[in-house]
C-alpha atoms as a PDB file:
ATOM      1  CA  LEU A   1       6.815  -2.861  -2.035  1.00  0.00           C
ATOM      2  CA  THR A   2       4.141  -5.172  -3.381  1.00  0.00           C
ATOM      3  CA  ARG A   3       1.052  -4.099  -5.252  1.00  0.00           C
ATOM      4  CA  ALA A   4      -1.139  -5.709  -2.575  1.00  0.00           C
ATOM      5  CA  THR A   5       0.517  -3.674   0.174  1.00  0.00           C
ATOM      6  CA  SER A   6       0.301  -0.467  -1.873  1.00  0.00           C
ATOM      7  CA  SER A   7      -3.387  -0.959  -2.595  1.00  0.00           C
ATOM      8  CA  SER A   8      -4.211  -1.942   0.999  1.00  0.00           C
ATOM      9  CA  CYS A   9      -2.837   1.253   2.499  1.00  0.00           C
ATOM     10  CA  PRO A  10      -5.286   3.770   0.957  1.00  0.00           C
ATOM     11  CA  ARG A  11      -8.223   1.400   1.447  1.00  0.00           C
ATOM     12  CA  PHE A  12      -7.443   0.974   5.152  1.00  0.00           C
ATOM     13  CA  ALA A  13      -6.815   4.716   5.537  1.00  0.00           C
ATOM     14  CA  LYS A  14     -10.248   5.455   4.117  1.00  0.00           C
ATOM     15  CA  LYS A  15     -11.909   2.998   6.497  1.00  0.00           C
ATOM     16  CA  LEU A  16     -10.044   4.620   9.404  1.00  0.00           C
ATOM     17  CA  GLN A  17     -11.120   8.067   8.133  1.00  0.00           C
ATOM     18  CA  LEU A  18      -7.557   9.354   8.041  1.00  0.00           C
ATOM     19  CA  ALA A  19      -6.371  12.544   6.407  1.00  0.00           C
ATOM     20  CA  ASP A  20      -4.867  12.186   2.934  1.00  0.00           C
ATOM     21  CA  GLU A  21      -1.527  13.402   4.268  1.00  0.00           C
ATOM     22  CA  THR A  22      -1.463  10.614   6.871  1.00  0.00           C
ATOM     23  CA  ALA A  23      -2.153   8.026   4.173  1.00  0.00           C
ATOM     24  CA  ARG A  24       0.643   9.499   2.034  1.00  0.00           C
ATOM     25  CA  GLN A  25       3.007   9.358   5.001  1.00  0.00           C
ATOM     26  CA  ALA A  26       2.142   5.691   5.565  1.00  0.00           C
ATOM     27  CA  HIS A  27       2.910   4.943   1.917  1.00  0.00           C
ATOM     28  CA  LEU A  28       6.233   6.769   2.224  1.00  0.00           C
ATOM     29  CA  LEU A  29       7.068   4.716   5.338  1.00  0.00           C
ATOM     30  CA  LEU A  30       6.290   1.515   3.423  1.00  0.00           C
ATOM     31  CA  ARG A  31       8.553   2.592   0.571  1.00  0.00           C
ATOM     32  CA  GLN A  32      11.406   3.426   2.968  1.00  0.00           C
ATOM     33  CA  ALA A  33      11.001   0.052   4.663  1.00  0.00           C
ATOM     34  CA  ALA A  34      10.978  -1.778   1.325  1.00  0.00           C
ATOM     35  CA  ASP A  35      14.115   0.094   0.244  1.00  0.00           C
ATOM     36  CA  ALA A  36      15.760  -1.119   3.466  1.00  0.00           C
ATOM     37  CA  GLY A  37      14.753  -4.695   2.632  1.00  0.00           C
ATOM     38  CA  TYR A  38      12.037  -4.946   5.278  1.00  0.00           C
ATOM     39  CA  GLY A  39       8.728  -6.674   4.715  1.00  0.00           C
ATOM     40  CA  GLN A  40       9.513  -9.416   2.243  1.00  0.00           C
ATOM     41  CA  GLY A  41       7.363 -12.457   2.920  1.00  0.00           C
ATOM     42  CA  MET A  42       5.029 -10.599   5.292  1.00  0.00           C
ATOM     43  CA  ARG A  43       1.297 -10.261   4.885  1.00  0.00           C
ATOM     44  CA  PRO A  44       0.398  -7.053   3.033  1.00  0.00           C
ATOM     45  CA  GLY A  45      -2.293  -6.201   5.573  1.00  0.00           C
ATOM     46  CA  ALA A  46       0.179  -6.443   8.424  1.00  0.00           C
ATOM     47  CA  LEU A  47       2.641  -4.116   6.714  1.00  0.00           C
ATOM     48  CA  ALA A  48      -0.003  -1.607   5.663  1.00  0.00           C
ATOM     49  CA  GLY A  49      -1.583  -1.670   9.120  1.00  0.00           C
ATOM     50  CA  ALA A  50       1.741  -1.078  10.848  1.00  0.00           C
ATOM     51  CA  ALA A  51       2.626   1.774   8.490  1.00  0.00           C
ATOM     52  CA  LEU A  52      -0.749   3.421   9.044  1.00  0.00           C
ATOM     53  CA  TYR A  53      -0.459   3.046  12.805  1.00  0.00           C
ATOM     54  CA  LEU A  54       3.013   4.613  12.750  1.00  0.00           C
ATOM     55  CA  ALA A  55       1.846   7.423  10.454  1.00  0.00           C
ATOM     56  CA  CYS A  56      -1.122   8.101  12.741  1.00  0.00           C
ATOM     57  CA  ARG A  57       1.151   8.404  15.746  1.00  0.00           C
ATOM     58  CA  GLU A  58       3.514  10.745  13.890  1.00  0.00           C
ATOM     59  CA  ALA A  59       0.630  12.894  12.605  1.00  0.00           C
ATOM     60  CA  GLY A  60      -1.128  13.111  15.973  1.00  0.00           C
ATOM     61  CA  GLU A  61      -4.177  11.467  14.433  1.00  0.00           C
ATOM     62  CA  PRO A  62      -4.980   8.893  17.112  1.00  0.00           C
ATOM     63  CA  ARG A  63      -6.166   5.434  16.142  1.00  0.00           C
ATOM     64  CA  SER A  64      -5.897   2.475  18.464  1.00  0.00           C
ATOM     65  CA  GLN A  65      -4.096  -0.739  17.651  1.00  0.00           C
ATOM     66  CA  LYS A  66      -7.484  -2.410  17.912  1.00  0.00           C
ATOM     67  CA  GLN A  67      -9.015  -0.083  15.287  1.00  0.00           C
ATOM     68  CA  VAL A  68      -6.126  -0.652  12.892  1.00  0.00           C
ATOM     69  CA  ALA A  69      -6.180  -4.411  13.475  1.00  0.00           C
ATOM     70  CA  GLN A  70      -9.908  -4.662  12.731  1.00  0.00           C
ATOM     71  CA  VAL A  71      -9.594  -2.724   9.482  1.00  0.00           C
ATOM     72  CA  ALA A  72      -6.480  -4.628   8.365  1.00  0.00           C
ATOM     73  CA  GLY A  73      -7.839  -8.047   9.323  1.00  0.00           C
ATOM     74  CA  ILE A  74      -4.954  -8.800  11.668  1.00  0.00           C
ATOM     75  CA  THR A  75      -4.495  -9.038  15.440  1.00  0.00           C
ATOM     76  CA  GLU A  76      -3.491  -6.229  17.776  1.00  0.00           C
ATOM     77  CA  VAL A  77      -0.338  -8.182  18.590  1.00  0.00           C
ATOM     78  CA  THR A  78       0.586  -8.193  14.891  1.00  0.00           C
ATOM     79  CA  VAL A  79      -0.001  -4.438  14.650  1.00  0.00           C
ATOM     80  CA  ARG A  80       2.196  -3.860  17.693  1.00  0.00           C
ATOM     81  CA  THR A  81       4.974  -6.210  16.549  1.00  0.00           C
ATOM     82  CA  ARG A  82       5.137  -4.936  12.964  1.00  0.00           C
ATOM     83  CA  TYR A  83       4.869  -1.318  14.157  1.00  0.00           C
ATOM     84  CA  GLN A  84       7.866  -1.792  16.475  1.00  0.00           C
ATOM     85  CA  GLU A  85       9.887  -3.472  13.720  1.00  0.00           C
ATOM     86  CA  LEU A  86       8.933  -0.825  11.172  1.00  0.00           C
ATOM     87  CA  ALA A  87       9.806   2.032  13.519  1.00  0.00           C
ATOM     88  CA  LYS A  88      13.217   0.460  14.139  1.00  0.00           C
ATOM     89  CA  VAL A  89      13.900   0.018  10.407  1.00  0.00           C
ATOM     90  CA  ILE A  90      12.815   3.589   9.585  1.00  0.00           C
ATOM     91  CA  SER A  91      14.877   5.148  12.370  1.00  0.00           C
ATOM     92  CA  GLY A  92      17.966   3.390  11.026  1.00  0.00           C
END
C-alpha cells in the first residue's frame, strides 16, 4: 500500500462527504488488497477510488461511479474496472 494511495483515500472521502467509518473501511479494503498483492503499478487515485466505491456500496452510502471518478480524477470505466477487480481479490 503506497503512501500516495493511503493519503488519497481520506481526501477523496472528505470530498464525497462520506462517514468516517466508510473511509476506514475503504482503507481496510486497500490494505487487504495490498496484502494479496493487488494494485502494484496502478495509479493511486484509481485504487483509492475503487476502494471508496466498494466501501460505499457495502455501507449503503450511495455514491455514483461518476461522483467517485470526478473526485479521484479518473474515468467511470476505470472506477468500474478497478472496483470489479478489487471485489474479486477481497472475496478471495
